[in-house]
Amino acid sequence: MRFIQTTAIPLLLLLLVGAACRRSDPSLVQGPEARPQPAQLLLELNDERRFMSVDQVADQIIKKLPELLLVDVRSDAEFKAYSLPGAVHIPLDKLLEPANQQRLDCGKYSIVFYSNGQTSAEKAWFITRQRGCRDVYVMQGGLNEWTVAFLQPKEPAQTAPQEVWDQYQFRLAARQYFAGASKALAPEPFQAPAAAPEAAAGQTRKNIEVKPKAAKPAAKDEEEGC
């Protein structure tokens, strides 16, 4: 029940608002599939199958699956600072704009929302699921979990099960892949090249005159004896 206490309450409010507005908003009748009933959405809020792990998302990115639509719902500044390879940017507060709704073609794509944690991505999932899309997911743990998994992978104990070692090896390989495919989460600040040291105050730099060496005199031929 922890999940309901921590994350479902804002979504329940959305559910109530959405149910009240559904009849008054004709744009909400569109969608490739039948809209879920409120009771169905309540059940799905507690269903782990609506999540996609960071390992699953990474695997799909590496395989370049054409049906994957990875959607970053964070702010403009956050998206510019860092984003996953191939992700499209649709801020949460602009999700319902007609142009963005056209991009969320759930008849063509498997949609995965992500944010720094899960809250914003879950709201995006709820809105999209309410509009009739079924193949829509939340990246579990968000970029916070992504950072731990791929930028800071920890070697398992020697006694860990084989599947744990397999996951660790995958994360090491994925780390190498994403190192050249995306910007760093914590990019190093720009450092200007070090300037040549200036002469100390009150001192002048002496000009050193380089004089060519004098040519050696040609050796005299030895006199031949008689």
Protein backbone atom coordinates (compact mmCIF):
# COMPACT_ATOMS: atom_id res chain seq x y z
CA MET A 1 0.00 0.00 0.00
CA ARG A 2 3.03 2.30 0.14
CA PHE A 3 2.66 3.20 -3.52
CA ILE A 4 -0.90 4.42 -3.04
CA GLN A 5 0.13 6.57 -0.10
CA THR A 6 3.07 8.25 -1.85
CA THR A 7 2.20 8.60 -5.53
CA ALA A 8 -1.40 7.70 -6.26
CA ILE A 9 -3.10 10.56 -4.42
CA PRO A 10 -2.25 13.25 -7.05
CA LEU A 11 -3.28 10.82 -9.77
CA LEU A 12 -6.56 10.13 -8.03
CA LEU A 13 -7.28 13.84 -8.10
CA LEU A 14 -6.57 13.86 -11.82
CA LEU A 15 -8.88 10.90 -12.20
CA LEU A 16 -11.75 12.72 -10.52
CA VAL A 17 -11.19 15.88 -12.54
CA GLY A 18 -10.88 13.92 -15.76
CA ALA A 19 -14.09 12.02 -15.13
CA ALA A 20 -15.96 15.26 -14.50
CA CYS A 21 -14.60 16.97 -17.62
CA ARG A 22 -14.80 14.04 -20.01
CA ARG A 23 -18.32 14.79 -21.23
CA SER A 24 -17.71 18.53 -21.64
CA ASP A 25 -14.49 18.24 -23.68
CA PRO A 26 -15.12 16.79 -27.17
CA SER A 27 -11.39 16.46 -27.85
CA LEU A 28 -11.19 13.72 -25.24
CA VAL A 29 -13.33 11.33 -27.28
CA GLN A 30 -10.47 10.76 -29.70
CA GLY A 31 -8.09 7.83 -29.34
CA PRO A 32 -7.27 4.51 -31.00
CA GLU A 33 -8.78 2.44 -28.19
CA ALA A 34 -11.67 2.54 -25.75
CA ARG A 35 -11.14 4.80 -22.78
CA PRO A 36 -10.61 3.04 -19.47
CA GLN A 37 -13.21 3.48 -16.77
CA PRO A 38 -12.14 5.19 -13.52
CA ALA A 39 -12.26 1.86 -11.67
CA GLN A 40 -9.92 0.35 -14.25
CA LEU A 41 -7.45 3.22 -13.88
CA LEU A 42 -7.46 2.77 -10.13
CA LEU A 43 -6.47 -0.86 -10.60
CA GLU A 44 -3.72 0.03 -13.07
CA LEU A 45 -2.23 2.58 -10.67
CA ASN A 46 -1.20 -0.36 -8.50
CA ASP A 47 -0.04 -2.53 -11.40
CA GLU A 48 3.75 -2.80 -11.75
CA ARG A 49 3.36 -3.64 -15.43
CA ARG A 50 2.92 0.04 -16.24
CA PHE A 51 6.57 0.57 -15.33
CA MET A 52 9.59 -0.10 -17.51
CA SER A 53 12.92 -0.54 -15.75
CA VAL A 54 15.95 1.53 -16.72
CA ASP A 55 17.59 -1.67 -18.00
CA GLN A 56 14.65 -2.35 -20.31
CA VAL A 57 14.69 1.22 -21.59
CA ALA A 58 18.45 1.09 -22.17
CA ASP A 59 18.12 -2.21 -24.03
CA GLN A 60 15.47 -0.75 -26.34
CA ILE A 61 17.55 2.38 -26.99
CA ILE A 62 20.63 0.31 -27.84
CA LYS A 63 18.60 -1.92 -30.16
CA LYS A 64 17.14 1.23 -31.80
CA LEU A 65 13.63 -0.20 -31.77
CA PRO A 66 11.56 1.92 -34.17
CA GLU A 67 8.39 1.51 -32.12
CA LEU A 68 9.93 3.16 -29.03
CA LEU A 69 8.90 6.76 -28.31
CA LEU A 70 10.89 8.03 -25.34
CA VAL A 71 9.36 11.22 -23.96
CA ASP A 72 11.12 13.61 -21.59
CA VAL A 73 8.51 15.60 -19.64
CA ARG A 74 10.92 17.83 -17.69
CA SER A 75 11.53 21.54 -18.16
CA ASP A 76 13.36 23.08 -21.11
CA ALA A 77 16.44 23.84 -19.01
CA GLU A 78 16.62 20.30 -17.65
CA PHE A 79 16.23 18.78 -21.10
CA LYS A 80 19.00 20.96 -22.53
CA ALA A 81 21.30 20.03 -19.67
CA TYR A 82 20.83 16.31 -20.19
CA SER A 83 18.56 13.94 -22.09
CA LEU A 84 18.53 10.30 -23.07
CA PRO A 85 19.52 9.44 -26.65
CA GLY A 86 16.61 9.70 -29.05
CA ALA A 87 14.22 11.23 -26.51
CA VAL A 88 11.67 13.83 -27.61
CA HIS A 89 10.87 16.75 -25.35
CA ILE A 90 7.27 17.41 -24.33
CA PRO A 91 7.07 19.32 -21.02
CA LEU A 92 4.31 18.08 -18.74
CA ASP A 93 2.51 21.44 -18.78
CA LYS A 94 2.36 21.29 -22.60
CA LEU A 95 1.33 17.66 -22.90
CA LEU A 96 -2.28 18.45 -23.87
CA GLU A 97 -1.40 20.87 -26.66
CA PRO A 98 -2.82 19.55 -29.96
CA ALA A 99 0.57 19.41 -31.67
CA ASN A 100 2.03 17.37 -28.83
CA GLN A 101 -0.95 15.06 -28.72
CA GLN A 102 -0.33 14.29 -32.40
CA ARG A 103 3.26 13.36 -31.56
CA LEU A 104 1.99 10.89 -28.95
CA ASP A 105 0.74 8.44 -31.55
CA CYS A 106 0.03 5.44 -29.35
CA GLY A 107 -1.29 3.54 -32.34
CA LYS A 108 2.22 3.60 -33.79
CA TYR A 109 4.56 3.84 -30.81
CA SER A 110 5.20 2.27 -27.45
CA ILE A 111 5.46 5.41 -25.30
CA VAL A 112 7.78 5.65 -22.31
CA PHE A 113 7.68 8.79 -20.17
CA TYR A 114 10.54 9.81 -17.91
CA SER A 115 11.43 12.65 -15.55
CA ASN A 116 14.02 13.12 -12.82
CA GLY A 117 12.09 10.90 -10.45
CA GLN A 118 8.67 9.44 -11.25
CA THR A 119 6.04 12.03 -10.29
CA SER A 120 5.89 14.04 -13.51
CA ALA A 121 6.24 10.94 -15.68
CA GLU A 122 3.37 9.26 -13.81
CA LYS A 123 1.13 12.27 -14.39
CA ALA A 124 1.98 12.09 -18.10
CA TRP A 125 1.20 8.36 -18.07
CA PHE A 126 -2.15 8.98 -16.40
CA ILE A 127 -3.20 11.69 -18.86
CA THR A 128 -2.17 9.59 -21.86
CA ARG A 129 -3.71 6.40 -20.52
CA GLN A 130 -6.94 8.25 -19.77
CA ARG A 131 -7.13 9.29 -23.40
CA GLY A 132 -7.22 5.67 -24.51
CA CYS A 133 -3.58 4.69 -25.03
CA ARG A 134 -2.62 1.26 -23.68
CA ASP A 135 1.01 0.79 -24.73
CA VAL A 136 2.31 3.54 -22.46
CA TYR A 137 4.81 3.26 -19.59
CA VAL A 138 6.80 5.11 -16.94
CA MET A 139 10.57 4.65 -16.66
CA GLN A 140 10.85 3.38 -13.11
CA GLY A 141 12.99 5.57 -10.88
CA GLY A 142 13.52 8.16 -13.62
CA LEU A 143 16.90 9.70 -14.32
CA ASN A 144 17.83 9.33 -10.66
CA GLU A 145 17.74 5.56 -11.07
CA TRP A 146 19.40 5.81 -14.49
CA THR A 147 22.36 7.63 -12.93
CA VAL A 148 22.84 4.96 -10.27
CA ALA A 149 22.46 2.11 -12.73
CA PHE A 150 24.69 3.27 -15.58
CA LEU A 151 26.94 6.04 -14.32
CA GLN A 152 27.66 4.49 -10.92
CA PRO A 153 27.26 0.71 -11.32
CA LYS A 154 28.39 -1.24 -8.27
CA GLU A 155 30.11 -4.58 -8.60
CA PRO A 156 28.05 -7.33 -6.96
CA ALA A 157 29.35 -9.61 -4.26
CA GLN A 158 31.11 -12.75 -5.43
CA THR A 159 28.23 -14.79 -3.98
CA ALA A 160 25.56 -12.86 -5.94
CA PRO A 161 23.32 -14.87 -8.30
CA GLN A 162 24.26 -15.14 -11.96
CA GLU A 163 21.39 -12.87 -13.05
CA VAL A 164 22.79 -10.10 -10.86
CA TRP A 165 26.21 -10.48 -12.50
CA ASP A 166 24.56 -10.52 -15.93
CA GLN A 167 22.81 -7.25 -15.10
CA TYR A 168 26.07 -5.73 -13.89
CA GLN A 169 27.87 -6.73 -17.10
CA PHE A 170 25.04 -5.27 -19.16
CA ARG A 171 25.23 -2.00 -17.25
CA LEU A 172 28.97 -1.76 -17.77
CA ALA A 173 28.51 -2.27 -21.52
CA ALA A 174 25.61 0.19 -21.61
CA ARG A 175 27.72 2.73 -19.77
CA GLN A 176 30.32 2.58 -22.53
CA TYR A 177 27.60 2.89 -25.16
CA PHE A 178 25.89 5.89 -23.60
CA ALA A 179 29.16 7.65 -22.78
CA GLY A 180 29.44 8.65 -26.42
CA ALA A 181 25.74 8.95 -27.14
CA SER A 182 24.56 11.55 -24.65
CA LYS A 183 25.70 14.51 -22.61
CA ALA A 184 27.01 13.97 -19.10
CA LEU A 185 24.64 14.28 -16.18
CA ALA A 186 27.19 16.44 -14.38
CA PRO A 187 29.25 18.05 -17.15
CA GLU A 188 32.64 19.36 -16.16
CA PRO A 189 32.85 23.17 -16.11
CA PHE A 190 34.70 24.85 -18.95
CA GLN A 191 38.28 25.65 -18.13
CA ALA A 192 40.20 28.16 -20.23
CA PRO A 193 43.76 27.21 -21.23
CA ALA A 194 46.31 28.40 -18.70
CA ALA A 195 47.96 31.66 -19.77
CA ALA A 196 51.72 32.09 -19.77
CA PRO A 197 52.92 33.49 -16.40
CA GLU A 198 53.37 37.25 -16.39
CA ALA A 199 56.54 38.92 -15.17
CA ALA A 200 56.45 39.93 -11.52
CA ALA A 201 55.51 43.54 -10.78
CA GLY A 202 58.46 45.92 -11.06
CA GLN A 203 60.49 43.48 -13.07
CA THR A 204 61.17 43.56 -16.77
CA ARG A 205 61.83 40.54 -18.81
CA LYS A 206 65.37 40.54 -20.20
CA ASN A 207 65.78 40.06 -23.90
CA ILE A 208 68.31 37.37 -24.50
CA GLU A 209 70.35 38.06 -27.60
CA VAL A 210 71.35 34.97 -29.44
CA LYS A 211 74.59 35.46 -31.32
CA PRO A 212 75.71 33.04 -33.98
CA LYS A 213 78.86 31.15 -33.14
CA ALA A 214 82.01 32.30 -34.91
CA ALA A 215 83.06 30.02 -37.72
CA LYS A 216 86.09 27.94 -36.97
CA PRO A 217 89.12 28.77 -39.13
CA ALA A 218 89.85 26.23 -41.83
CA ALA A 219 92.60 23.82 -40.88
CA LYS A 220 95.91 24.44 -42.69
CA ASP A 221 97.27 21.65 -44.82
CA GLU A 222 100.20 20.02 -43.15
CA GLU A 223 103.50 20.71 -44.92
CA GLU A 224 104.91 17.68 -46.60
CA GLY A 225 108.43 16.71 -45.63
CA CYS A 226 111.19 16.55 -48.15
